[in-house]
PDB file of all heavy atoms in Angstrom:
ATOM      1  N   LYS A   1      11.024-114.179  55.307  1.00  0.00           N
ATOM      2  CA  LYS A   1      11.969-113.244  54.676  1.00  0.00           C
ATOM      3  C   LYS A   1      12.789-112.478  55.655  1.00  0.00           C
ATOM      4  O   LYS A   1      13.584-111.595  55.293  1.00  0.00           O
ATOM      5  CB  LYS A   1      11.007-112.148  53.897  1.00  0.00           C
ATOM      6  CG  LYS A   1      10.113-112.639  52.852  1.00  0.00           C
ATOM      7  CD  LYS A   1      10.861-113.056  51.603  1.00  0.00           C
ATOM      8  CE  LYS A   1       9.953-113.431  50.426  1.00  0.00           C
ATOM      9  NZ  LYS A   1      10.709-113.814  49.197  1.00  0.00           N
ATOM     10  N   TYR A   2      12.670-112.867  56.912  1.00  0.00           N
ATOM     11  CA  TYR A   2      13.381-112.077  57.989  1.00  0.00           C
ATOM     12  C   TYR A   2      14.917-112.227  57.826  1.00  0.00           C
ATOM     13  O   TYR A   2      15.661-111.242  57.908  1.00  0.00           O
ATOM     14  CB  TYR A   2      13.013-112.586  59.308  1.00  0.00           C
ATOM     15  CG  TYR A   2      13.388-111.679  60.529  1.00  0.00           C
ATOM     16  CD1 TYR A   2      12.380-110.878  61.108  1.00  0.00           C
ATOM     17  CD2 TYR A   2      14.628-111.697  61.079  1.00  0.00           C
ATOM     18  CE1 TYR A   2      12.782-110.064  62.197  1.00  0.00           C
ATOM     19  CE2 TYR A   2      14.970-110.901  62.107  1.00  0.00           C
ATOM     20  CZ  TYR A   2      14.029-110.077  62.640  1.00  0.00           C
ATOM     21  OH  TYR A   2      14.480-109.282  63.731  1.00  0.00           O
ATOM     22  N   HIS A   3      15.339-113.443  57.470  1.00  0.00           N
ATOM     23  CA  HIS A   3      16.781-113.752  57.383  1.00  0.00           C
ATOM     24  C   HIS A   3      17.426-112.799  56.312  1.00  0.00           C
ATOM     25  O   HIS A   3      18.379-112.110  56.592  1.00  0.00           O
ATOM     26  CB  HIS A   3      17.010-115.120  57.148  1.00  0.00           C
ATOM     27  CG  HIS A   3      18.536-115.515  56.896  1.00  0.00           C
ATOM     28  ND1 HIS A   3      19.042-116.124  55.831  1.00  0.00           N
ATOM     29  CD2 HIS A   3      19.612-115.250  57.735  1.00  0.00           C
ATOM     30  CE1 HIS A   3      20.337-116.273  55.999  1.00  0.00           C
ATOM     31  NE2 HIS A   3      20.694-115.744  57.119  1.00  0.00           N
ATOM     32  N   GLU A   4      16.911-112.890  55.100  1.00  0.00           N
ATOM     33  CA  GLU A   4      17.410-112.120  54.023  1.00  0.00           C
ATOM     34  C   GLU A   4      17.253-110.566  54.144  1.00  0.00           C
ATOM     35  O   GLU A   4      17.981-109.805  53.573  1.00  0.00           O
ATOM     36  CB  GLU A   4      16.761-112.527  52.722  1.00  0.00           C
ATOM     37  CG  GLU A   4      15.241-112.168  52.562  1.00  0.00           C
ATOM     38  CD  GLU A   4      14.669-112.657  51.243  1.00  0.00           C
ATOM     39  OE1 GLU A   4      14.512-113.890  51.007  1.00  0.00           O
ATOM     40  OE2 GLU A   4      14.356-111.825  50.459  1.00  0.00           O
ATOM     41  N   SER A   5      16.251-110.120  55.010  1.00  0.00           N
ATOM     42  CA  SER A   5      15.957-108.772  55.197  1.00  0.00           C
ATOM     43  C   SER A   5      16.692-108.097  56.296  1.00  0.00           C
ATOM     44  O   SER A   5      17.292-107.002  56.194  1.00  0.00           O
ATOM     45  CB  SER A   5      14.519-108.613  55.536  1.00  0.00           C
ATOM     46  OG  SER A   5      13.670-109.217  54.516  1.00  0.00           O
ATOM     47  N   PHE A   6      16.879-108.803  57.409  1.00  0.00           N
ATOM     48  CA  PHE A   6      17.212-108.224  58.655  1.00  0.00           C
ATOM     49  C   PHE A   6      18.655-108.613  59.072  1.00  0.00           C
ATOM     50  O   PHE A   6      19.482-107.864  59.654  1.00  0.00           O
ATOM     51  CB  PHE A   6      16.244-108.590  59.778  1.00  0.00           C
ATOM     52  CG  PHE A   6      16.312-107.673  61.022  1.00  0.00           C
ATOM     53  CD1 PHE A   6      15.428-106.700  61.199  1.00  0.00           C
ATOM     54  CD2 PHE A   6      17.237-107.941  62.047  1.00  0.00           C
ATOM     55  CE1 PHE A   6      15.426-105.886  62.292  1.00  0.00           C
ATOM     56  CE2 PHE A   6      17.319-107.178  63.169  1.00  0.00           C
ATOM     57  CZ  PHE A   6      16.388-106.152  63.374  1.00  0.00           C
ATOM     58  N   CYS A   7      19.027-109.854  58.786  1.00  0.00           N
ATOM     59  CA  CYS A   7      20.269-110.450  59.418  1.00  0.00           C
ATOM     60  C   CYS A   7      20.822-111.455  58.469  1.00  0.00           C
ATOM     61  O   CYS A   7      21.200-112.597  58.866  1.00  0.00           O
ATOM     62  CB  CYS A   7      19.885-111.097  60.779  1.00  0.00           C
ATOM     63  SG  CYS A   7      18.618-112.358  60.684  1.00  0.00           S
ATOM     64  N   GLN A   8      21.159-111.114  57.238  1.00  0.00           N
ATOM     65  CA  GLN A   8      21.623-111.982  56.248  1.00  0.00           C
ATOM     66  C   GLN A   8      22.995-112.512  56.539  1.00  0.00           C
ATOM     67  O   GLN A   8      23.571-113.540  55.931  1.00  0.00           O
ATOM     68  CB  GLN A   8      21.588-111.349  54.814  1.00  0.00           C
ATOM     69  CG  GLN A   8      22.579-110.309  54.455  1.00  0.00           C
ATOM     70  CD  GLN A   8      22.125-108.868  54.886  1.00  0.00           C
ATOM     71  OE1 GLN A   8      21.196-108.751  55.666  1.00  0.00           O
ATOM     72  NE2 GLN A   8      22.757-107.956  54.375  1.00  0.00           N
ATOM     73  N   ASP A   9      23.766-111.840  57.504  1.00  0.00           N
ATOM     74  CA  ASP A   9      25.047-112.365  57.783  1.00  0.00           C
ATOM     75  C   ASP A   9      25.047-113.213  59.084  1.00  0.00           C
ATOM     76  O   ASP A   9      26.105-113.509  59.584  1.00  0.00           O
ATOM     77  CB  ASP A   9      26.052-111.191  58.120  1.00  0.00           C
ATOM     78  CG  ASP A   9      25.544-109.996  58.895  1.00  0.00           C
ATOM     79  OD1 ASP A   9      24.297-110.238  59.441  1.00  0.00           O
ATOM     80  OD2 ASP A   9      26.158-108.978  59.190  1.00  0.00           O
ATOM     81  N   LEU A  10      23.857-113.634  59.450  1.00  0.00           N
ATOM     82  CA  LEU A  10      23.731-114.708  60.518  1.00  0.00           C
ATOM     83  C   LEU A  10      23.344-116.003  59.748  1.00  0.00           C
ATOM     84  O   LEU A  10      23.039-115.901  58.541  1.00  0.00           O
ATOM     85  CB  LEU A  10      22.716-114.282  61.525  1.00  0.00           C
ATOM     86  CG  LEU A  10      23.017-113.107  62.411  1.00  0.00           C
ATOM     87  CD1 LEU A  10      21.812-112.825  63.279  1.00  0.00           C
ATOM     88  CD2 LEU A  10      24.212-113.228  63.154  1.00  0.00           C
ATOM     89  N   SER A  11      23.343-117.082  60.466  1.00  0.00           N
ATOM     90  CA  SER A  11      22.847-118.309  59.875  1.00  0.00           C
ATOM     91  C   SER A  11      21.441-118.259  59.493  1.00  0.00           C
ATOM     92  O   SER A  11      20.651-117.501  60.168  1.00  0.00           O
ATOM     93  CB  SER A  11      23.200-119.501  60.766  1.00  0.00           C
ATOM     94  OG  SER A  11      22.246-119.444  61.798  1.00  0.00           O
ATOM     95  N   ALA A  12      20.906-119.127  58.524  1.00  0.00           N
ATOM     96  CA  ALA A  12      19.550-119.096  58.122  1.00  0.00           C
ATOM     97  C   ALA A  12      18.666-119.542  59.328  1.00  0.00           C
ATOM     98  O   ALA A  12      17.608-119.092  59.590  1.00  0.00           O
ATOM     99  CB  ALA A  12      19.318-119.970  56.983  1.00  0.00           C
ATOM    100  N   GLU A  13      19.158-120.433  60.065  1.00  0.00           N
ATOM    101  CA  GLU A  13      18.489-121.037  61.320  1.00  0.00           C
ATOM    102  C   GLU A  13      18.234-119.820  62.314  1.00  0.00           C
ATOM    103  O   GLU A  13      17.224-119.648  62.798  1.00  0.00           O
ATOM    104  CB  GLU A  13      19.269-122.007  62.032  1.00  0.00           C
ATOM    105  CG  GLU A  13      18.553-122.909  63.091  1.00  0.00           C
ATOM    106  CD  GLU A  13      19.320-124.093  63.482  1.00  0.00           C
ATOM    107  OE1 GLU A  13      20.424-123.936  63.981  1.00  0.00           O
ATOM    108  OE2 GLU A  13      18.827-125.196  63.258  1.00  0.00           O
ATOM    109  N   GLU A  14      19.313-119.068  62.617  1.00  0.00           N
ATOM    110  CA  GLU A  14      19.237-117.920  63.527  1.00  0.00           C
ATOM    111  C   GLU A  14      18.233-116.877  62.964  1.00  0.00           C
ATOM    112  O   GLU A  14      17.349-116.334  63.637  1.00  0.00           O
ATOM    113  CB  GLU A  14      20.649-117.178  63.683  1.00  0.00           C
ATOM    114  CG  GLU A  14      21.572-117.853  64.527  1.00  0.00           C
ATOM    115  CD  GLU A  14      22.958-117.278  64.620  1.00  0.00           C
ATOM    116  OE1 GLU A  14      23.621-117.191  63.561  1.00  0.00           O
ATOM    117  OE2 GLU A  14      23.253-116.784  65.657  1.00  0.00           O
ATOM    118  N   GLY A  15      18.258-116.648  61.672  1.00  0.00           N
ATOM    119  CA  GLY A  15      17.383-115.713  61.094  1.00  0.00           C
ATOM    120  C   GLY A  15      15.875-116.108  61.217  1.00  0.00           C
ATOM    121  O   GLY A  15      15.041-115.234  61.507  1.00  0.00           O
ATOM    122  N   LEU A  16      15.659-117.420  61.008  1.00  0.00           N
ATOM    123  CA  LEU A  16      14.364-117.903  61.131  1.00  0.00           C
ATOM    124  C   LEU A  16      13.838-117.798  62.540  1.00  0.00           C
ATOM    125  O   LEU A  16      12.674-117.339  62.805  1.00  0.00           O
ATOM    126  CB  LEU A  16      14.199-119.345  60.648  1.00  0.00           C
ATOM    127  CG  LEU A  16      12.790-120.004  60.739  1.00  0.00           C
ATOM    128  CD1 LEU A  16      11.883-119.165  59.800  1.00  0.00           C
ATOM    129  CD2 LEU A  16      12.777-121.467  60.298  1.00  0.00           C
ATOM    130  N   VAL A  17      14.704-118.063  63.565  1.00  0.00           N
ATOM    131  CA  VAL A  17      14.238-117.930  64.950  1.00  0.00           C
ATOM    132  C   VAL A  17      13.972-116.512  65.245  1.00  0.00           C
ATOM    133  O   VAL A  17      12.945-116.192  65.857  1.00  0.00           O
ATOM    134  CB  VAL A  17      15.331-118.458  65.914  1.00  0.00           C
ATOM    135  CG1 VAL A  17      15.059-118.121  67.293  1.00  0.00           C
ATOM    136  CG2 VAL A  17      15.498-120.027  65.729  1.00  0.00           C
ATOM    137  N   MET A  18      14.783-115.517  64.832  1.00  0.00           N
ATOM    138  CA  MET A  18      14.576-114.138  65.043  1.00  0.00           C
ATOM    139  C   MET A  18      13.282-113.638  64.408  1.00  0.00           C
ATOM    140  O   MET A  18      12.608-112.799  64.914  1.00  0.00           O
ATOM    141  CB  MET A  18      15.767-113.317  64.545  1.00  0.00           C
ATOM    142  CG  MET A  18      16.997-113.536  65.387  1.00  0.00           C
ATOM    143  SD  MET A  18      18.436-112.586  64.678  1.00  0.00           S
ATOM    144  CE  MET A  18      18.151-110.949  65.013  1.00  0.00           C
ATOM    145  N   GLY A  19      13.040-114.239  63.248  1.00  0.00           N
ATOM    146  CA  GLY A  19      11.867-113.896  62.483  1.00  0.00           C
ATOM    147  C   GLY A  19      10.508-114.345  63.148  1.00  0.00           C
ATOM    148  O   GLY A  19       9.489-113.633  63.206  1.00  0.00           O
ATOM    149  N   LEU A  20      10.597-115.585  63.772  1.00  0.00           N
ATOM    150  CA  LEU A  20       9.394-116.105  64.442  1.00  0.00           C
ATOM    151  C   LEU A  20       9.262-115.459  65.846  1.00  0.00           C
ATOM    152  O   LEU A  20       8.113-115.492  66.309  1.00  0.00           O
ATOM    153  CB  LEU A  20       9.643-117.621  64.642  1.00  0.00           C
ATOM    154  CG  LEU A  20       9.646-118.427  63.304  1.00  0.00           C
ATOM    155  CD1 LEU A  20       9.998-119.896  63.526  1.00  0.00           C
ATOM    156  CD2 LEU A  20       8.284-118.363  62.626  1.00  0.00           C
ATOM    157  N   THR A  21      10.238-114.911  66.327  1.00  0.00           N
ATOM    158  CA  THR A  21      10.144-114.301  67.779  1.00  0.00           C
ATOM    159  C   THR A  21      10.142-112.776  67.670  1.00  0.00           C
ATOM    160  O   THR A  21      10.293-112.062  68.726  1.00  0.00           O
ATOM    161  CB  THR A  21      11.303-114.726  68.570  1.00  0.00           C
ATOM    162  OG1 THR A  21      12.530-114.321  68.048  1.00  0.00           O
ATOM    163  CG2 THR A  21      11.287-116.254  68.931  1.00  0.00           C
ATOM    164  N   GLN A  22      10.011-112.218  66.459  1.00  0.00           N
ATOM    165  CA  GLN A  22      10.155-110.705  66.367  1.00  0.00           C
ATOM    166  C   GLN A  22       9.048-110.072  67.063  1.00  0.00           C
ATOM    167  O   GLN A  22       7.905-110.609  67.367  1.00  0.00           O
ATOM    168  CB  GLN A  22       9.997-110.349  64.809  1.00  0.00           C
ATOM    169  CG  GLN A  22       8.689-110.671  64.275  1.00  0.00           C
ATOM    170  CD  GLN A  22       8.584-110.279  62.735  1.00  0.00           C
ATOM    171  OE1 GLN A  22       8.475-109.076  62.291  1.00  0.00           O
ATOM    172  NE2 GLN A  22       8.644-111.407  61.895  1.00  0.00           N
ATOM    173  N   LYS A  23       9.331-108.833  67.508  1.00  0.00           N
ATOM    174  CA  LYS A  23       8.335-108.018  68.232  1.00  0.00           C
ATOM    175  C   LYS A  23       7.879-106.834  67.234  1.00  0.00           C
ATOM    176  O   LYS A  23       8.599-106.036  66.824  1.00  0.00           O
ATOM    177  CB  LYS A  23       8.947-107.369  69.387  1.00  0.00           C
ATOM    178  CG  LYS A  23       7.995-106.506  70.324  1.00  0.00           C
ATOM    179  CD  LYS A  23       8.666-106.105  71.597  1.00  0.00           C
ATOM    180  CE  LYS A  23       7.701-105.365  72.459  1.00  0.00           C
ATOM    181  NZ  LYS A  23       8.272-105.063  73.716  1.00  0.00           N
ATOM    182  N   ALA A  24       6.653-107.032  66.692  1.00  0.00           N
ATOM    183  CA  ALA A  24       6.078-106.069  65.648  1.00  0.00           C
ATOM    184  C   ALA A  24       5.702-104.827  66.365  1.00  0.00           C
ATOM    185  O   ALA A  24       5.068-104.762  67.427  1.00  0.00           O
ATOM    186  CB  ALA A  24       5.078-106.646  64.890  1.00  0.00           C
ATOM    187  N   PRO A  25       6.081-103.631  65.638  1.00  0.00           N
ATOM    188  CA  PRO A  25       5.516-102.327  66.154  1.00  0.00           C
ATOM    189  C   PRO A  25       4.069-102.049  65.663  1.00  0.00           C
ATOM    190  O   PRO A  25       3.826-102.628  64.549  1.00  0.00           O
ATOM    191  CB  PRO A  25       6.515-101.374  65.539  1.00  0.00           C
ATOM    192  CG  PRO A  25       6.892-102.029  64.299  1.00  0.00           C
ATOM    193  CD  PRO A  25       6.929-103.463  64.558  1.00  0.00           C
ATOM    194  N   LEU A  26       3.420-101.197  66.225  1.00  0.00           N
ATOM    195  CA  LEU A  26       2.279-100.604  65.580  1.00  0.00           C
ATOM    196  C   LEU A  26       2.753 -99.660  64.417  1.00  0.00           C
ATOM    197  O   LEU A  26       3.701 -98.921  64.596  1.00  0.00           O
ATOM    198  CB  LEU A  26       1.392 -99.675  66.531  1.00  0.00           C
ATOM    199  CG  LEU A  26       0.536-100.354  67.520  1.00  0.00           C
ATOM    200  CD1 LEU A  26      -0.124 -99.460  68.430  1.00  0.00           C
ATOM    201  CD2 LEU A  26      -0.561-101.157  66.802  1.00  0.00           C
ATOM    202  N   ALA A  27       2.139 -99.901  63.262  1.00  0.00           N
ATOM    203  CA  ALA A  27       2.705 -99.229  61.996  1.00  0.00           C
ATOM    204  C   ALA A  27       2.692 -97.844  62.176  1.00  0.00           C
ATOM    205  O   ALA A  27       3.531 -97.106  61.598  1.00  0.00           O
ATOM    206  CB  ALA A  27       1.831 -99.761  60.769  1.00  0.00           C
ATOM    207  N   SER A  28       1.774 -97.282  62.944  1.00  0.00           N
ATOM    208  CA  SER A  28       1.626 -95.807  63.077  1.00  0.00           C
ATOM    209  C   SER A  28       2.848 -95.202  63.781  1.00  0.00           C
ATOM    210  O   SER A  28       3.176 -94.068  63.562  1.00  0.00           O
ATOM    211  CB  SER A  28       0.449 -95.479  63.944  1.00  0.00           C
ATOM    212  OG  SER A  28       0.420 -96.184  65.183  1.00  0.00           O
ATOM    213  N   THR A  29       3.674 -95.980  64.497  1.00  0.00           N
ATOM    214  CA  THR A  29       4.782 -95.517  65.149  1.00  0.00           C
ATOM    215  C   THR A  29       5.860 -94.939  64.113  1.00  0.00           C
ATOM    216  O   THR A  29       6.616 -94.131  64.445  1.00  0.00           O
ATOM    217  CB  THR A  29       5.423 -96.600  66.000  1.00  0.00           C
ATOM    218  OG1 THR A  29       4.470 -97.148  66.875  1.00  0.00           O
ATOM    219  CG2 THR A  29       6.569 -96.193  66.842  1.00  0.00           C
ATOM    220  N   PHE A  30       5.844 -95.547  62.926  1.00  0.00           N
ATOM    221  CA  PHE A  30       6.795 -95.127  61.926  1.00  0.00           C
ATOM    222  C   PHE A  30       6.643 -93.577  61.611  1.00  0.00           C
ATOM    223  O   PHE A  30       7.592 -93.025  61.219  1.00  0.00           O
ATOM    224  CB  PHE A  30       6.498 -95.938  60.639  1.00  0.00           C
ATOM    225  CG  PHE A  30       7.572 -96.907  60.274  1.00  0.00           C
ATOM    226  CD1 PHE A  30       7.235 -98.224  60.201  1.00  0.00           C
ATOM    227  CD2 PHE A  30       8.824 -96.522  59.958  1.00  0.00           C
ATOM    228  CE1 PHE A  30       8.160 -99.207  59.809  1.00  0.00           C
ATOM    229  CE2 PHE A  30       9.806 -97.415  59.594  1.00  0.00           C
ATOM    230  CZ  PHE A  30       9.505 -98.819  59.569  1.00  0.00           C
ATOM    231  N   GLY A  31       5.406 -93.010  61.777  1.00  0.00           N
ATOM    232  CA  GLY A  31       5.102 -91.675  61.469  1.00  0.00           C
ATOM    233  C   GLY A  31       5.272 -90.714  62.555  1.00  0.00           C
ATOM    234  O   GLY A  31       5.224 -89.511  62.280  1.00  0.00           O
ATOM    235  N   ASP A  32       5.748 -91.135  63.743  1.00  0.00           N
ATOM    236  CA  ASP A  32       5.802 -90.301  64.811  1.00  0.00           C
ATOM    237  C   ASP A  32       7.095 -89.419  64.643  1.00  0.00           C
ATOM    238  O   ASP A  32       8.172 -89.988  64.311  1.00  0.00           O
ATOM    239  CB  ASP A  32       5.912 -91.070  66.192  1.00  0.00           C
ATOM    240  CG  ASP A  32       4.532 -91.767  66.498  1.00  0.00           C
ATOM    241  OD1 ASP A  32       3.499 -91.382  65.910  1.00  0.00           O
ATOM    242  OD2 ASP A  32       4.601 -92.650  67.351  1.00  0.00           O
ATOM    243  N   THR A  33       7.031 -88.140  64.893  1.00  0.00           N
ATOM    244  CA  THR A  33       8.070 -87.221  64.633  1.00  0.00           C
ATOM    245  C   THR A  33       8.806 -86.846  65.977  1.00  0.00           C
ATOM    246  O   THR A  33       8.223 -86.755  67.066  1.00  0.00           O
ATOM    247  CB  THR A  33       7.577 -85.952  64.002  1.00  0.00           C
ATOM    248  OG1 THR A  33       6.547 -85.329  64.777  1.00  0.00           O
ATOM    249  CG2 THR A  33       7.041 -86.286  62.588  1.00  0.00           C
ATOM    250  N   ILE A  34      10.087 -86.468  65.799  1.00  0.00           N
ATOM    251  CA  ILE A  34      10.901 -86.041  66.913  1.00  0.00           C
ATOM    252  C   ILE A  34      10.529 -84.451  67.209  1.00  0.00           C
ATOM    253  O   ILE A  34      10.288 -83.705  66.326  1.00  0.00           O
ATOM    254  CB  ILE A  34      12.329 -86.147  66.506  1.00  0.00           C
ATOM    255  CG1 ILE A  34      12.771 -87.618  66.332  1.00  0.00           C
ATOM    256  CG2 ILE A  34      13.319 -85.472  67.533  1.00  0.00           C
ATOM    257  CD1 ILE A  34      12.771 -88.428  67.503  1.00  0.00           C
ATOM    258  N   THR A  35      10.667 -84.144  68.433  1.00  0.00           N
ATOM    259  CA  THR A  35      10.371 -82.768  68.856  1.00  0.00           C
ATOM    260  C   THR A  35      11.696 -82.011  68.991  1.00  0.00           C
ATOM    261  O   THR A  35      11.974 -81.062  68.249  1.00  0.00           O
ATOM    262  CB  THR A  35       9.468 -82.684  70.033  1.00  0.00           C
ATOM    263  OG1 THR A  35      10.073 -83.513  71.050  1.00  0.00           O
ATOM    264  CG2 THR A  35       8.127 -83.104  69.770  1.00  0.00           C
ATOM    265  N   ALA A  36      12.430 -82.442  70.030  1.00  0.00           N
ATOM    266  CA  ALA A  36      13.842 -81.832  70.227  1.00  0.00           C
ATOM    267  C   ALA A  36      14.861 -82.833  70.292  1.00  0.00           C
ATOM    268  O   ALA A  36      15.071 -83.610  71.199  1.00  0.00           O
ATOM    269  CB  ALA A  36      13.756 -81.054  71.688  1.00  0.00           C
TER     270      ALA A  36
END
C-alpha cells in the first residue's frame, strides 16, 4: 500500500521499492511532544 499512500505521483515500481526499503519508526515516537 506504500505507493498509493506515500508516493502516488511516482511510478508503481518506485513506490514498491520505497515500500520494501522503508525505515519504520517505533510507534511510540508518534506521541513524543515538542518542548520549545
